[in-house]
């Protein structure tokens, strides 16, 4: 017996899909904001002269980047309560996604730091700027601009990774699509609709990031 497409169930549950999409975007935005702060700090630490600090950051980056994000999510959500640390579902997932993002962004920002021309730093010293002012007013803006393409790619990747939140019953887009599938048995319609929403959202984000990149000169 052939399968007949019927998207009526999708239209009836479109609000749930859009809610899940918005929640996924929110999770990604908060996680990358936290991850970016940690990543910047760790990037400066990884380029410092202190060997122990560099080793600690390198160990963190290696450990997290080689651990599947789903494993991190499950450890945080199910493992931390065993040692007395209890977080809600959303808080657990944001924390997991943030530490995952921080590991990748550390390398992104480290590359951005290494791309800052030494002459610019020397010019800052020449006009009497202190080390912290050079880092904040000279190095950081250039590093951020040079890191923007990779930062944008990481954000899009993190948004797609929010689909793993369904594993701990957070009602983002994948969770809602799976729920519609289970309730209505419209397999193709549910997952095709989720795919279209993911692709459309990622495409819009990529276009917006490219526009943002063109507005700032590259050093």
C-alpha atoms as a PDB file:
ATOM      1  CA  UNK A   1       0.000   0.000   0.000  1.00  0.00           C
ATOM      2  CA  UNK A   2       1.432   3.386  -1.035  1.00  0.00           C
ATOM      3  CA  UNK A   3       2.141   6.230   1.345  1.00  0.00           C
ATOM      4  CA  UNK A   4       0.044   9.354   0.692  1.00  0.00           C
ATOM      5  CA  UNK A   5       1.415  12.660   1.876  1.00  0.00           C
ATOM      6  CA  UNK A   6      -0.899  14.687   4.106  1.00  0.00           C
ATOM      7  CA  UNK A   7       0.503  17.878   5.594  1.00  0.00           C
ATOM      8  CA  UNK A   8      -2.686  18.780   7.480  1.00  0.00           C
ATOM      9  CA  UNK A   9      -1.110  17.561  10.720  1.00  0.00           C
ATOM     10  CA  UNK A  10       1.831  19.879  10.109  1.00  0.00           C
ATOM     11  CA  UNK A  11      -0.362  22.950   9.602  1.00  0.00           C
ATOM     12  CA  UNK A  12      -2.332  22.085  12.741  1.00  0.00           C
ATOM     13  CA  UNK A  13       0.879  21.814  14.775  1.00  0.00           C
ATOM     14  CA  UNK A  14       2.852  24.566  13.095  1.00  0.00           C
ATOM     15  CA  UNK A  15       2.850  26.649  16.276  1.00  0.00           C
ATOM     16  CA  UNK A  16       4.577  23.804  18.132  1.00  0.00           C
ATOM     17  CA  UNK A  17       7.226  23.529  15.448  1.00  0.00           C
ATOM     18  CA  UNK A  18       7.905  27.267  15.482  1.00  0.00           C
ATOM     19  CA  UNK A  19       8.053  27.251  19.274  1.00  0.00           C
ATOM     20  CA  UNK A  20      10.592  24.441  19.123  1.00  0.00           C
ATOM     21  CA  UNK A  21      12.585  26.343  16.510  1.00  0.00           C
ATOM     22  CA  UNK A  22      12.621  29.498  18.636  1.00  0.00           C
ATOM     23  CA  UNK A  23      13.657  27.526  21.707  1.00  0.00           C
ATOM     24  CA  UNK A  24      16.509  25.911  19.797  1.00  0.00           C
ATOM     25  CA  UNK A  25      17.723  29.315  18.613  1.00  0.00           C
ATOM     26  CA  UNK A  26      17.541  30.643  22.155  1.00  0.00           C
ATOM     27  CA  UNK A  27      19.557  27.716  23.485  1.00  0.00           C
ATOM     28  CA  UNK A  28      22.209  28.247  20.811  1.00  0.00           C
ATOM     29  CA  UNK A  29      22.454  32.012  21.423  1.00  0.00           C
ATOM     30  CA  UNK A  30      22.882  31.668  25.192  1.00  0.00           C
ATOM     31  CA  UNK A  31      25.343  28.793  24.838  1.00  0.00           C
ATOM     32  CA  UNK A  32      27.529  30.555  22.292  1.00  0.00           C
ATOM     33  CA  UNK A  33      27.516  33.754  24.355  1.00  0.00           C
ATOM     34  CA  UNK A  34      28.829  31.857  27.380  1.00  0.00           C
ATOM     35  CA  UNK A  35      31.174  29.797  25.234  1.00  0.00           C
ATOM     36  CA  UNK A  36      32.564  32.899  23.550  1.00  0.00           C
ATOM     37  CA  UNK A  37      33.443  34.534  26.874  1.00  0.00           C
ATOM     38  CA  UNK A  38      35.190  31.369  28.074  1.00  0.00           C
ATOM     39  CA  UNK A  39      36.791  30.900  24.666  1.00  0.00           C
ATOM     40  CA  UNK A  40      38.301  34.393  24.628  1.00  0.00           C
ATOM     41  CA  UNK A  41      39.743  33.960  28.126  1.00  0.00           C
ATOM     42  CA  UNK A  42      41.143  30.531  27.272  1.00  0.00           C
ATOM     43  CA  UNK A  43      42.541  31.807  23.960  1.00  0.00           C
ATOM     44  CA  UNK A  44      44.544  34.485  25.771  1.00  0.00           C
ATOM     45  CA  UNK A  45      45.621  31.857  28.306  1.00  0.00           C
ATOM     46  CA  UNK A  46      46.728  29.496  25.538  1.00  0.00           C
ATOM     47  CA  UNK A  47      49.028  32.171  24.119  1.00  0.00           C
ATOM     48  CA  UNK A  48      50.449  33.250  27.475  1.00  0.00           C
ATOM     49  CA  UNK A  49      53.986  32.571  28.626  1.00  0.00           C
ATOM     50  CA  UNK A  50      52.840  30.362  31.503  1.00  0.00           C
ATOM     51  CA  UNK A  51      53.364  26.750  30.513  1.00  0.00           C
ATOM     52  CA  UNK A  52      51.015  25.309  33.141  1.00  0.00           C
ATOM     53  CA  UNK A  53      48.186  27.556  31.996  1.00  0.00           C
ATOM     54  CA  UNK A  54      48.724  26.568  28.386  1.00  0.00           C
ATOM     55  CA  UNK A  55      48.766  22.896  29.356  1.00  0.00           C
ATOM     56  CA  UNK A  56      45.487  23.170  31.285  1.00  0.00           C
ATOM     57  CA  UNK A  57      43.733  24.891  28.374  1.00  0.00           C
ATOM     58  CA  UNK A  58      45.176  22.415  25.875  1.00  0.00           C
ATOM     59  CA  UNK A  59      43.952  19.500  28.005  1.00  0.00           C
ATOM     60  CA  UNK A  60      40.456  20.981  28.245  1.00  0.00           C
ATOM     61  CA  UNK A  61      40.237  21.605  24.510  1.00  0.00           C
ATOM     62  CA  UNK A  62      41.519  18.120  23.654  1.00  0.00           C
ATOM     63  CA  UNK A  63      39.162  16.403  26.100  1.00  0.00           C
ATOM     64  CA  UNK A  64      35.992  18.265  25.078  1.00  0.00           C
ATOM     65  CA  UNK A  65      36.624  18.280  21.331  1.00  0.00           C
ATOM     66  CA  UNK A  66      37.132  14.521  21.340  1.00  0.00           C
ATOM     67  CA  UNK A  67      34.020  13.772  23.401  1.00  0.00           C
ATOM     68  CA  UNK A  68      30.654  13.499  21.583  1.00  0.00           C
ATOM     69  CA  UNK A  69      28.360  16.300  22.672  1.00  0.00           C
ATOM     70  CA  UNK A  70      25.559  13.831  23.443  1.00  0.00           C
ATOM     71  CA  UNK A  71      27.859  12.133  25.967  1.00  0.00           C
ATOM     72  CA  UNK A  72      28.553  15.521  27.576  1.00  0.00           C
ATOM     73  CA  UNK A  73      24.826  16.251  27.778  1.00  0.00           C
ATOM     74  CA  UNK A  74      24.099  12.901  29.419  1.00  0.00           C
ATOM     75  CA  UNK A  75      26.969  13.266  31.900  1.00  0.00           C
ATOM     76  CA  UNK A  76      25.809  16.747  32.922  1.00  0.00           C
ATOM     77  CA  UNK A  77      22.118  15.876  33.140  1.00  0.00           C
ATOM     78  CA  UNK A  78      22.331  12.412  34.687  1.00  0.00           C
ATOM     79  CA  UNK A  79      25.824  12.370  36.196  1.00  0.00           C
ATOM     80  CA  UNK A  80      26.109  15.658  38.066  1.00  0.00           C
ATOM     81  CA  UNK A  81      23.043  14.958  40.288  1.00  0.00           C
ATOM     82  CA  UNK A  82      24.903  11.900  41.583  1.00  0.00           C
ATOM     83  CA  UNK A  83      27.497  14.218  43.135  1.00  0.00           C
ATOM     84  CA  UNK A  84      24.938  16.700  44.445  1.00  0.00           C
ATOM     85  CA  UNK A  85      24.866  19.171  41.543  1.00  0.00           C
ATOM     86  CA  UNK A  86      21.325  19.454  40.205  1.00  0.00           C
ATOM     87  CA  UNK A  87      20.387  21.537  37.184  1.00  0.00           C
ATOM     88  CA  UNK A  88      17.143  21.822  35.262  1.00  0.00           C
ATOM     89  CA  UNK A  89      16.844  20.341  31.784  1.00  0.00           C
ATOM     90  CA  UNK A  90      17.394  23.621  29.969  1.00  0.00           C
ATOM     91  CA  UNK A  91      20.194  24.732  32.286  1.00  0.00           C
ATOM     92  CA  UNK A  92      21.917  21.359  31.885  1.00  0.00           C
ATOM     93  CA  UNK A  93      21.766  21.526  28.117  1.00  0.00           C
ATOM     94  CA  UNK A  94      22.957  25.135  27.935  1.00  0.00           C
ATOM     95  CA  UNK A  95      25.862  24.299  30.239  1.00  0.00           C
ATOM     96  CA  UNK A  96      26.774  21.259  28.113  1.00  0.00           C
ATOM     97  CA  UNK A  97      26.541  23.201  24.868  1.00  0.00           C
ATOM     98  CA  UNK A  98      28.503  26.129  26.319  1.00  0.00           C
ATOM     99  CA  UNK A  99      31.483  24.055  27.461  1.00  0.00           C
ATOM    100  CA  UNK A 100      31.431  22.276  24.096  1.00  0.00           C
ATOM    101  CA  UNK A 101      31.354  25.593  22.254  1.00  0.00           C
ATOM    102  CA  UNK A 102      34.095  27.034  24.459  1.00  0.00           C
ATOM    103  CA  UNK A 103      36.508  24.281  23.412  1.00  0.00           C
ATOM    104  CA  UNK A 104      36.026  25.046  19.723  1.00  0.00           C
ATOM    105  CA  UNK A 105      35.960  28.807  20.185  1.00  0.00           C
ATOM    106  CA  UNK A 106      39.209  28.684  22.147  1.00  0.00           C
ATOM    107  CA  UNK A 107      40.917  27.441  19.004  1.00  0.00           C
ATOM    108  CA  UNK A 108      39.014  29.899  16.827  1.00  0.00           C
ATOM    109  CA  UNK A 109      40.043  32.867  18.952  1.00  0.00           C
ATOM    110  CA  UNK A 110      43.589  31.564  19.382  1.00  0.00           C
ATOM    111  CA  UNK A 111      43.964  31.555  15.603  1.00  0.00           C
ATOM    112  CA  UNK A 112      42.505  35.069  15.580  1.00  0.00           C
ATOM    113  CA  UNK A 113      45.069  36.184  18.149  1.00  0.00           C
ATOM    114  CA  UNK A 114      47.937  34.743  16.151  1.00  0.00           C
ATOM    115  CA  UNK A 115      46.687  36.609  13.066  1.00  0.00           C
ATOM    116  CA  UNK A 116      46.958  40.032  14.735  1.00  0.00           C
ATOM    117  CA  UNK A 117      49.868  41.907  13.084  1.00  0.00           C
ATOM    118  CA  UNK A 118      52.735  42.488  15.495  1.00  0.00           C
ATOM    119  CA  UNK A 119      53.142  45.997  14.120  1.00  0.00           C
ATOM    120  CA  UNK A 120      49.731  46.961  15.468  1.00  0.00           C
ATOM    121  CA  UNK A 121      50.709  45.805  18.941  1.00  0.00           C
ATOM    122  CA  UNK A 122      54.016  47.663  18.696  1.00  0.00           C
ATOM    123  CA  UNK A 123      52.137  50.801  17.668  1.00  0.00           C
ATOM    124  CA  UNK A 124      49.970  50.494  20.772  1.00  0.00           C
ATOM    125  CA  UNK A 125      53.050  50.266  22.966  1.00  0.00           C
ATOM    126  CA  UNK A 126      54.617  53.208  21.151  1.00  0.00           C
ATOM    127  CA  UNK A 127      51.761  55.537  22.066  1.00  0.00           C
ATOM    128  CA  UNK A 128      51.988  54.505  25.701  1.00  0.00           C
ATOM    129  CA  UNK A 129      49.116  52.051  26.062  1.00  0.00           C
ATOM    130  CA  UNK A 130      49.350  49.602  28.951  1.00  0.00           C
ATOM    131  CA  UNK A 131      49.225  45.855  28.332  1.00  0.00           C
ATOM    132  CA  UNK A 132      45.567  45.510  29.364  1.00  0.00           C
ATOM    133  CA  UNK A 133      44.571  48.430  27.146  1.00  0.00           C
ATOM    134  CA  UNK A 134      46.429  46.929  24.199  1.00  0.00           C
ATOM    135  CA  UNK A 135      44.651  43.620  24.766  1.00  0.00           C
ATOM    136  CA  UNK A 136      41.208  45.221  25.084  1.00  0.00           C
ATOM    137  CA  UNK A 137      41.390  48.094  22.597  1.00  0.00           C
ATOM    138  CA  UNK A 138      43.837  46.838  19.982  1.00  0.00           C
ATOM    139  CA  UNK A 139      44.141  43.051  19.959  1.00  0.00           C
ATOM    140  CA  UNK A 140      40.574  42.057  20.860  1.00  0.00           C
ATOM    141  CA  UNK A 141      38.737  43.970  18.056  1.00  0.00           C
ATOM    142  CA  UNK A 142      41.133  42.672  15.390  1.00  0.00           C
ATOM    143  CA  UNK A 143      40.961  39.132  16.759  1.00  0.00           C
ATOM    144  CA  UNK A 144      37.159  39.262  16.795  1.00  0.00           C
ATOM    145  CA  UNK A 145      36.947  40.464  13.204  1.00  0.00           C
ATOM    146  CA  UNK A 146      39.393  37.875  11.942  1.00  0.00           C
ATOM    147  CA  UNK A 147      37.521  35.158  13.851  1.00  0.00           C
ATOM    148  CA  UNK A 148      34.081  36.184  12.598  1.00  0.00           C
ATOM    149  CA  UNK A 149      33.733  33.618   9.760  1.00  0.00           C
ATOM    150  CA  UNK A 150      34.686  30.701  12.018  1.00  0.00           C
ATOM    151  CA  UNK A 151      32.551  32.115  14.836  1.00  0.00           C
ATOM    152  CA  UNK A 152      29.548  32.219  12.520  1.00  0.00           C
ATOM    153  CA  UNK A 153      30.119  28.640  11.380  1.00  0.00           C
ATOM    154  CA  UNK A 154      30.369  27.518  14.997  1.00  0.00           C
ATOM    155  CA  UNK A 155      27.082  29.240  15.832  1.00  0.00           C
ATOM    156  CA  UNK A 156      25.276  27.522  12.960  1.00  0.00           C
ATOM    157  CA  UNK A 157      26.762  24.192  14.008  1.00  0.00           C
ATOM    158  CA  UNK A 158      25.655  24.766  17.602  1.00  0.00           C
ATOM    159  CA  UNK A 159      22.135  25.578  16.468  1.00  0.00           C
ATOM    160  CA  UNK A 160      21.971  22.237  14.653  1.00  0.00           C
ATOM    161  CA  UNK A 161      23.364  20.521  17.747  1.00  0.00           C
ATOM    162  CA  UNK A 162      20.384  21.758  19.758  1.00  0.00           C
ATOM    163  CA  UNK A 163      18.490  18.867  18.171  1.00  0.00           C
ATOM    164  CA  UNK A 164      20.244  16.685  20.765  1.00  0.00           C
ATOM    165  CA  UNK A 165      18.234  18.431  23.479  1.00  0.00           C
ATOM    166  CA  UNK A 166      15.415  16.053  22.530  1.00  0.00           C
ATOM    167  CA  UNK A 167      17.412  13.327  24.305  1.00  0.00           C
ATOM    168  CA  UNK A 168      16.537  14.912  27.658  1.00  0.00           C
ATOM    169  CA  UNK A 169      12.990  15.911  26.648  1.00  0.00           C
ATOM    170  CA  UNK A 170      13.555  19.608  25.964  1.00  0.00           C
ATOM    171  CA  UNK A 171      10.756  20.618  23.549  1.00  0.00           C
ATOM    172  CA  UNK A 172      12.881  22.083  20.770  1.00  0.00           C
ATOM    173  CA  UNK A 173      12.223  21.481  17.070  1.00  0.00           C
ATOM    174  CA  UNK A 174      13.404  17.861  16.852  1.00  0.00           C
ATOM    175  CA  UNK A 175      11.461  16.919  19.984  1.00  0.00           C
ATOM    176  CA  UNK A 176       8.279  18.491  18.616  1.00  0.00           C
ATOM    177  CA  UNK A 177       8.698  16.838  15.216  1.00  0.00           C
ATOM    178  CA  UNK A 178       9.196  13.466  16.885  1.00  0.00           C
ATOM    179  CA  UNK A 179       6.119  14.062  19.038  1.00  0.00           C
ATOM    180  CA  UNK A 180       4.009  14.879  15.983  1.00  0.00           C
ATOM    181  CA  UNK A 181       5.349  11.754  14.306  1.00  0.00           C
ATOM    182  CA  UNK A 182       4.433   9.560  17.293  1.00  0.00           C
ATOM    183  CA  UNK A 183       0.974  11.097  17.697  1.00  0.00           C
ATOM    184  CA  UNK A 184      -0.051  11.058  14.032  1.00  0.00           C
ATOM    185  CA  UNK A 185       2.222   8.457  12.378  1.00  0.00           C
ATOM    186  CA  UNK A 186       2.968  11.007   9.627  1.00  0.00           C
ATOM    187  CA  UNK A 187       6.664  10.169   9.469  1.00  0.00           C
ATOM    188  CA  UNK A 188       7.676  11.908   6.252  1.00  0.00           C
ATOM    189  CA  UNK A 189       5.601  15.035   6.865  1.00  0.00           C
ATOM    190  CA  UNK A 190       6.912  15.572  10.399  1.00  0.00           C
ATOM    191  CA  UNK A 191      10.589  15.100   9.617  1.00  0.00           C
ATOM    192  CA  UNK A 192      10.445  16.834   6.247  1.00  0.00           C
ATOM    193  CA  UNK A 193       8.901  19.900   7.917  1.00  0.00           C
ATOM    194  CA  UNK A 194      11.630  19.907  10.575  1.00  0.00           C
ATOM    195  CA  UNK A 195      14.264  19.618   7.853  1.00  0.00           C
ATOM    196  CA  UNK A 196      12.837  22.565   5.926  1.00  0.00           C
ATOM    197  CA  UNK A 197      12.801  24.715   9.068  1.00  0.00           C
ATOM    198  CA  UNK A 198      16.386  23.788   9.946  1.00  0.00           C
ATOM    199  CA  UNK A 199      17.673  24.418   6.424  1.00  0.00           C
ATOM    200  CA  UNK A 200      15.794  27.715   6.050  1.00  0.00           C
ATOM    201  CA  UNK A 201      16.987  28.989   9.430  1.00  0.00           C
ATOM    202  CA  UNK A 202      20.617  27.992   8.836  1.00  0.00           C
ATOM    203  CA  UNK A 203      20.541  29.578   5.375  1.00  0.00           C
ATOM    204  CA  UNK A 204      19.202  32.854   6.770  1.00  0.00           C
ATOM    205  CA  UNK A 205      21.830  32.852   9.515  1.00  0.00           C
ATOM    206  CA  UNK A 206      24.605  32.178   6.996  1.00  0.00           C
ATOM    207  CA  UNK A 207      23.396  35.021   4.760  1.00  0.00           C
ATOM    208  CA  UNK A 208      23.202  37.401   7.723  1.00  0.00           C
ATOM    209  CA  UNK A 209      26.697  36.473   8.893  1.00  0.00           C
ATOM    210  CA  UNK A 210      28.148  36.972   5.406  1.00  0.00           C
ATOM    211  CA  UNK A 211      26.539  40.415   5.302  1.00  0.00           C
ATOM    212  CA  UNK A 212      28.039  41.206   8.709  1.00  0.00           C
ATOM    213  CA  UNK A 213      31.496  40.080   7.583  1.00  0.00           C
ATOM    214  CA  UNK A 214      31.396  42.410   4.568  1.00  0.00           C
ATOM    215  CA  UNK A 215      30.710  45.388   6.825  1.00  0.00           C
ATOM    216  CA  UNK A 216      34.012  45.061   8.652  1.00  0.00           C
ATOM    217  CA  UNK A 217      37.467  45.199   7.053  1.00  0.00           C
ATOM    218  CA  UNK A 218      39.734  42.201   7.540  1.00  0.00           C
ATOM    219  CA  UNK A 219      43.180  42.830   9.012  1.00  0.00           C
END
